[in-house]
Amino acid sequence: MRQGRVQDLPGLRTLWAHEVLSRGRDCVPSEAMIAQMMGSFDWAGRSRVIEDGSGPRAAVLVLEHGMRGRSLVRVETAARNEDDRLRLIKWGLGLSRAAGAALAQVWRPRGQHRGLVELGLRLARPFWRMDRRSLEEVPATALPAGYRLAPATDRSEAARVFNRSFAEHWRFQALDPDDLAPASRPRDLELMAVTDQGSPAAVVWCDIATHDPDLRRQPVGVVEVVGTLPEHRRRGLAYALTAAALRRLRGRGAASASLYVDGLNPTRAYDVYSRLGFSVAYQYDVFEQEFKRERWPGSRT
């Protein structure tokens, strides 16, 4: 085992592709996602590689997801051999603990759990990728009475809607409306529904990505966020606003669509997505290990 380095990225892509073809992960990250993930990544400190004569055969990245002082890390592996994977997960958990993380997550395909409990991980919940195979015949659904589509979306206001919409969701981490990272998605793919009086009610954010290898029609429209303020729920906003987003994705050339949703989502958002033609295409089982007691949404008490 050695420290990782940026030059390992081509070999890591090869491992990701191998896992996609063997159903060990749902997709190879898009180039934009890789650039975002690795923009300031500490390869020497937060990655390890096991290699043979032909290059990397397993790798681990310890990715930080903490915001506002909370420290959640994701121990992300790619491997051809499960013994190598467990060795790297063990290293990643040790680094997470030593670095002061409160919580570490390991995402694995449904049913592929060997050795994780022995490492101190517990199964937290399923997480789904839902796909719409085509963007033909997206419902032309109007927003409910009393609501309209905002002509432009203020990102700070949208972040506040996001925070309130997801405040009680599992492992929610708030955005700072006054310190938002630059967004690469087109502005017309950031939708907001407002009341007739102009008060924000719901948001949908989406983007377009290309994945290879992949069984989906490319490019894929990725619905990243669907959030409705509690006082505006159960009125059809999420359905209508997501349908509007899908039509915009199609207009920008997307051939299919995907989204990710907590399999134990408290608002049963997956029911809305099913009505829009999405179905579960892939399931991750999310395992966790807590190192510090913090008041995380969804934590067991």
Protein backbone atom coordinates (compact mmCIF):
# COMPACT_ATOMS: atom_id res chain seq x y z
CA MET A 1 0.00 0.00 0.00
CA ARG A 2 1.32 3.45 -0.87
CA GLN A 3 0.16 7.07 -0.83
CA GLY A 4 -2.04 8.09 -3.70
CA ARG A 5 -1.09 10.79 -6.19
CA VAL A 6 -2.91 12.70 -8.87
CA GLN A 7 -1.21 10.57 -11.53
CA ASP A 8 -3.33 7.64 -10.25
CA LEU A 9 -6.51 9.21 -11.61
CA PRO A 10 -6.47 7.35 -14.98
CA GLY A 11 -6.02 4.05 -13.14
CA LEU A 12 -8.80 5.01 -10.73
CA ARG A 13 -11.11 5.70 -13.68
CA THR A 14 -10.32 2.22 -14.97
CA LEU A 15 -11.24 0.71 -11.60
CA TRP A 16 -14.49 2.70 -11.54
CA ALA A 17 -15.35 1.46 -15.03
CA HIS A 18 -14.64 -2.13 -13.99
CA GLU A 19 -16.99 -1.76 -11.04
CA VAL A 20 -19.75 -0.25 -13.19
CA LEU A 21 -19.57 -3.16 -15.63
CA SER A 22 -19.72 -5.64 -12.74
CA ARG A 23 -22.55 -3.72 -11.00
CA GLY A 24 -20.22 -2.76 -8.15
CA ARG A 25 -21.17 0.92 -8.45
CA ASP A 26 -23.87 2.81 -10.26
CA CYS A 27 -21.70 5.01 -12.50
CA VAL A 28 -18.28 6.42 -13.29
CA PRO A 29 -18.29 10.02 -12.03
CA SER A 30 -18.62 12.61 -14.77
CA GLU A 31 -15.59 14.73 -15.66
CA ALA A 32 -17.19 17.74 -13.98
CA MET A 33 -17.79 15.76 -10.79
CA ILE A 34 -14.23 14.46 -10.79
CA ALA A 35 -12.90 18.00 -11.19
CA GLN A 36 -15.08 19.17 -8.29
CA MET A 37 -14.07 16.23 -6.08
CA MET A 38 -10.38 16.52 -6.79
CA GLY A 39 -9.95 20.28 -7.08
CA SER A 40 -8.06 20.59 -3.79
CA PHE A 41 -7.86 16.95 -2.75
CA ASP A 42 -4.94 15.95 -0.52
CA TRP A 43 -3.81 12.84 -2.40
CA ALA A 44 -0.88 12.03 -0.14
CA GLY A 45 -2.82 12.45 3.09
CA ARG A 46 -6.27 11.14 2.17
CA SER A 47 -5.75 8.35 -0.35
CA ARG A 48 -3.98 5.01 -0.60
CA VAL A 49 -3.36 2.68 -3.53
CA ILE A 50 -2.59 -1.02 -3.82
CA GLU A 51 -0.98 -1.83 -7.14
CA ASP A 52 0.52 -4.63 -9.16
CA GLY A 53 2.66 -4.62 -12.28
CA SER A 54 -0.14 -3.27 -14.48
CA GLY A 55 -1.13 -0.37 -12.22
CA PRO A 56 -3.60 0.26 -9.38
CA ARG A 57 -5.74 -2.73 -8.44
CA ALA A 58 -7.46 -0.99 -5.52
CA ALA A 59 -7.71 2.55 -4.19
CA VAL A 60 -9.38 4.48 -1.38
CA LEU A 61 -10.29 8.16 -1.15
CA VAL A 62 -11.40 9.71 2.14
CA LEU A 63 -13.72 12.52 1.07
CA GLU A 64 -14.88 15.26 3.43
CA HIS A 65 -18.55 16.23 3.35
CA GLY A 66 -18.70 18.29 6.51
CA MET A 67 -20.15 21.80 6.59
CA ARG A 68 -20.39 24.40 9.34
CA GLY A 69 -18.00 22.54 11.62
CA ARG A 70 -19.57 19.10 11.29
CA SER A 71 -17.19 16.48 10.00
CA LEU A 72 -18.73 13.70 7.96
CA VAL A 73 -16.41 11.70 5.73
CA ARG A 74 -17.08 9.16 3.02
CA VAL A 75 -14.61 6.32 2.63
CA GLU A 76 -14.80 5.68 -1.10
CA THR A 77 -13.11 2.56 -2.52
CA ALA A 78 -12.62 0.98 -5.93
CA ALA A 79 -11.15 -2.50 -6.10
CA ARG A 80 -10.95 -5.69 -8.13
CA ASN A 81 -10.44 -7.77 -4.99
CA GLU A 82 -12.61 -7.64 -1.86
CA ASP A 83 -9.73 -8.40 0.51
CA ASP A 84 -7.94 -5.33 -0.85
CA ARG A 85 -11.12 -3.31 -0.43
CA LEU A 86 -11.52 -4.25 3.23
CA ARG A 87 -7.88 -3.44 3.91
CA LEU A 88 -8.37 0.03 2.41
CA ILE A 89 -11.68 0.64 4.21
CA LYS A 90 -9.95 -0.20 7.50
CA TRP A 91 -7.24 2.35 6.69
CA GLY A 92 -9.85 4.97 5.76
CA LEU A 93 -11.78 4.48 8.99
CA GLY A 94 -8.59 4.78 11.00
CA LEU A 95 -7.68 8.02 9.24
CA SER A 96 -11.19 9.38 9.79
CA ARG A 97 -11.03 8.68 13.51
CA ALA A 98 -7.53 10.13 13.86
CA ALA A 99 -8.51 13.26 11.93
CA GLY A 100 -11.37 13.96 14.33
CA ALA A 101 -14.30 13.06 12.09
CA ALA A 102 -17.64 12.64 13.81
CA LEU A 103 -19.00 10.11 11.34
CA ALA A 104 -17.70 7.95 8.48
CA GLN A 105 -19.82 6.41 5.74
CA VAL A 106 -19.14 3.50 3.40
CA TRP A 107 -21.54 3.04 0.47
CA ARG A 108 -21.74 -0.47 -0.98
CA PRO A 109 -24.01 -2.13 -3.54
CA ARG A 110 -27.04 -3.88 -2.13
CA GLY A 111 -26.04 -7.15 -0.48
CA GLN A 112 -22.25 -6.65 -0.77
CA HIS A 113 -21.47 -6.31 2.92
CA ARG A 114 -18.72 -8.83 3.63
CA GLY A 115 -16.45 -7.80 6.49
CA LEU A 116 -18.05 -4.41 7.17
CA VAL A 117 -19.68 -5.23 10.49
CA GLU A 118 -16.37 -6.66 11.73
CA LEU A 119 -14.81 -3.25 11.01
CA GLY A 120 -17.32 -1.55 13.30
CA LEU A 121 -19.74 -0.35 10.62
CA ARG A 122 -23.52 -0.64 10.91
CA LEU A 123 -26.12 -0.61 8.16
CA ALA A 124 -27.88 2.78 8.26
CA ARG A 125 -30.29 2.65 5.31
CA PRO A 126 -30.72 2.08 1.59
CA PHE A 127 -30.12 4.86 -0.92
CA TRP A 128 -31.55 4.61 -4.43
CA ARG A 129 -30.77 5.85 -7.89
CA MET A 130 -34.02 6.23 -9.77
CA ASP A 131 -33.97 6.49 -13.57
CA ARG A 132 -36.30 7.73 -16.26
CA ARG A 133 -35.20 5.90 -19.39
CA SER A 134 -36.34 8.62 -21.79
CA LEU A 135 -37.33 12.26 -21.65
CA GLU A 136 -40.01 11.79 -24.26
CA GLU A 137 -43.58 12.47 -23.14
CA VAL A 138 -42.79 14.36 -19.95
CA PRO A 139 -46.10 15.51 -18.44
CA ALA A 140 -46.96 19.12 -19.29
CA THR A 141 -48.15 19.89 -15.78
CA ALA A 142 -48.93 23.42 -14.62
CA LEU A 143 -48.00 24.59 -11.15
CA PRO A 144 -50.85 24.42 -8.62
CA ALA A 145 -53.17 27.40 -8.29
CA GLY A 146 -51.59 30.17 -6.26
CA TYR A 147 -48.03 29.46 -7.45
CA ARG A 148 -45.89 30.52 -10.37
CA LEU A 149 -42.39 29.90 -11.67
CA ALA A 150 -39.94 32.61 -10.65
CA PRO A 151 -38.42 34.30 -13.73
CA ALA A 152 -34.97 34.07 -12.12
CA THR A 153 -33.60 32.30 -9.07
CA ASP A 154 -31.59 34.10 -6.43
CA ARG A 155 -29.06 31.51 -5.26
CA SER A 156 -28.94 32.75 -1.66
CA GLU A 157 -32.73 32.62 -1.39
CA ALA A 158 -32.74 29.18 -3.01
CA ALA A 159 -30.20 27.99 -0.43
CA ARG A 160 -32.48 29.15 2.38
CA VAL A 161 -35.37 27.20 0.82
CA PHE A 162 -33.08 24.17 0.56
CA ASN A 163 -32.09 24.43 4.22
CA ARG A 164 -35.66 24.64 5.50
CA SER A 165 -36.90 21.93 3.13
CA PHE A 166 -34.34 19.37 4.26
CA ALA A 167 -33.76 20.38 7.89
CA GLU A 168 -35.28 17.15 9.27
CA HIS A 169 -33.84 14.82 6.64
CA TRP A 170 -31.26 12.16 7.33
CA ARG A 171 -27.69 13.46 7.56
CA PHE A 172 -28.77 16.89 6.35
CA GLN A 173 -26.00 19.46 6.09
CA ALA A 174 -27.02 23.05 5.58
CA LEU A 175 -25.71 25.41 2.94
CA ASP A 176 -24.41 28.83 3.92
CA PRO A 177 -26.49 31.28 1.84
CA ASP A 178 -23.78 33.92 2.27
CA ASP A 179 -20.90 31.68 1.22
CA LEU A 180 -22.02 29.42 -1.61
CA ALA A 181 -19.56 27.52 -3.75
CA PRO A 182 -19.66 28.47 -7.44
CA ALA A 183 -22.22 26.42 -9.38
CA SER A 184 -21.43 25.01 -12.81
CA ARG A 185 -25.02 24.15 -13.73
CA PRO A 186 -26.83 26.41 -16.21
CA ARG A 187 -28.93 29.01 -14.43
CA ASP A 188 -32.12 27.95 -16.23
CA LEU A 189 -31.75 24.54 -14.56
CA GLU A 190 -32.18 26.18 -11.15
CA LEU A 191 -35.96 26.46 -10.76
CA MET A 192 -37.95 28.08 -7.98
CA ALA A 193 -41.70 28.13 -7.42
CA VAL A 194 -43.08 31.16 -5.61
CA THR A 195 -46.53 32.13 -4.38
CA ASP A 196 -48.58 34.69 -6.26
CA GLN A 197 -47.26 37.18 -3.69
CA GLY A 198 -43.66 36.25 -4.56
CA SER A 199 -42.74 34.21 -1.48
CA PRO A 200 -40.45 31.21 -2.18
CA ALA A 201 -42.11 27.80 -1.88
CA ALA A 202 -40.01 25.12 -3.62
CA VAL A 203 -36.80 24.58 -5.59
CA VAL A 204 -35.47 22.09 -8.11
CA TRP A 205 -31.84 22.07 -9.21
CA CYS A 206 -30.52 19.87 -12.01
CA ASP A 207 -27.62 19.48 -14.41
CA ILE A 208 -26.48 17.42 -17.39
CA ALA A 209 -23.69 14.83 -17.22
CA THR A 210 -22.11 12.25 -19.49
CA HIS A 211 -20.97 8.89 -18.08
CA ASP A 212 -18.90 6.18 -19.76
CA PRO A 213 -19.34 3.24 -19.58
CA ASP A 214 -23.04 3.45 -18.79
CA LEU A 215 -26.27 1.73 -19.82
CA ARG A 216 -28.33 4.93 -19.72
CA ARG A 217 -28.98 7.03 -22.80
CA GLN A 218 -26.45 9.86 -22.80
CA PRO A 219 -26.24 12.61 -21.78
CA VAL A 220 -28.12 12.15 -18.52
CA GLY A 221 -30.19 14.86 -16.90
CA VAL A 222 -29.41 14.67 -13.19
CA VAL A 223 -32.07 16.02 -10.83
CA GLU A 224 -29.90 17.06 -7.90
CA VAL A 225 -32.35 18.70 -5.49
CA VAL A 226 -36.14 18.72 -5.10
CA GLY A 227 -37.16 20.67 -2.00
CA THR A 228 -40.50 22.07 -0.82
CA LEU A 229 -41.00 24.18 2.29
CA PRO A 230 -43.08 22.33 4.91
CA GLU A 231 -46.00 24.76 4.74
CA HIS A 232 -46.31 24.25 0.96
CA ARG A 233 -46.18 20.44 0.84
CA ARG A 234 -48.91 18.07 -0.37
CA ARG A 235 -50.11 20.50 -3.03
CA GLY A 236 -48.38 19.06 -6.10
CA LEU A 237 -45.48 21.51 -6.23
CA ALA A 238 -42.71 18.90 -6.28
CA TYR A 239 -44.42 16.98 -9.09
CA ALA A 240 -45.07 20.03 -11.27
CA LEU A 241 -41.69 21.70 -10.67
CA THR A 242 -39.76 18.49 -11.34
CA ALA A 243 -41.74 17.96 -14.55
CA ALA A 244 -40.81 21.49 -15.62
CA ALA A 245 -37.15 20.73 -14.87
CA LEU A 246 -37.30 17.53 -16.96
CA ARG A 247 -38.67 19.48 -19.91
CA ARG A 248 -35.80 21.96 -19.60
CA LEU A 249 -33.29 19.11 -19.42
CA ARG A 250 -34.73 17.66 -22.60
CA GLY A 251 -34.49 21.08 -24.24
CA ARG A 252 -30.79 21.14 -23.37
CA GLY A 253 -30.21 17.76 -24.99
CA ALA A 254 -30.54 15.27 -22.13
CA ALA A 255 -31.73 11.87 -23.36
CA SER A 256 -32.58 10.30 -19.99
CA ALA A 257 -32.79 11.37 -16.36
CA SER A 258 -31.67 10.15 -12.95
CA LEU A 259 -31.97 11.23 -9.35
CA TYR A 260 -30.85 9.92 -5.97
CA VAL A 261 -33.18 9.51 -3.02
CA ASP A 262 -33.05 8.18 0.52
CA GLY A 263 -34.90 4.86 0.57
CA LEU A 264 -36.37 5.85 3.95
CA ASN A 265 -37.22 9.40 2.90
CA PRO A 266 -39.66 10.79 5.50
CA THR A 267 -41.77 12.62 2.91
CA ARG A 268 -41.91 9.58 0.58
CA ALA A 269 -40.50 11.70 -2.25
CA TYR A 270 -39.94 8.53 -4.26
CA ASP A 271 -43.71 8.26 -4.74
CA VAL A 272 -43.68 11.58 -6.61
CA TYR A 273 -40.77 10.42 -8.75
CA SER A 274 -42.53 7.16 -9.57
CA ARG A 275 -45.53 9.12 -10.84
CA LEU A 276 -43.14 11.02 -13.11
CA GLY A 277 -41.90 7.79 -14.68
CA PHE A 278 -38.83 7.10 -12.53
CA SER A 279 -38.07 3.64 -11.16
CA VAL A 280 -35.34 2.27 -8.90
CA ALA A 281 -32.37 1.25 -11.03
CA TYR A 282 -29.66 0.82 -8.39
CA GLN A 283 -29.48 0.51 -4.61
CA TYR A 284 -26.64 1.37 -2.30
CA ASP A 285 -26.58 0.19 1.29
CA VAL A 286 -25.07 2.94 3.43
CA PHE A 287 -22.93 1.82 6.36
CA GLU A 288 -21.77 4.16 9.10
CA GLN A 289 -19.39 4.39 12.03
CA GLU A 290 -19.74 7.21 14.57
CA PHE A 291 -16.64 8.49 16.36
CA LYS A 292 -18.13 11.50 18.18
CA ARG A 293 -21.62 12.05 19.50
CA GLU A 294 -23.22 14.89 17.58
CA ARG A 295 -26.86 15.71 17.00
CA TRP A 296 -27.03 14.47 13.44
CA PRO A 297 -30.46 14.34 11.80
CA GLY A 298 -31.39 10.69 11.74
CA SER A 299 -28.97 9.56 14.43
CA ARG A 300 -30.09 6.87 16.82
CA THR A 301 -30.39 8.05 20.41
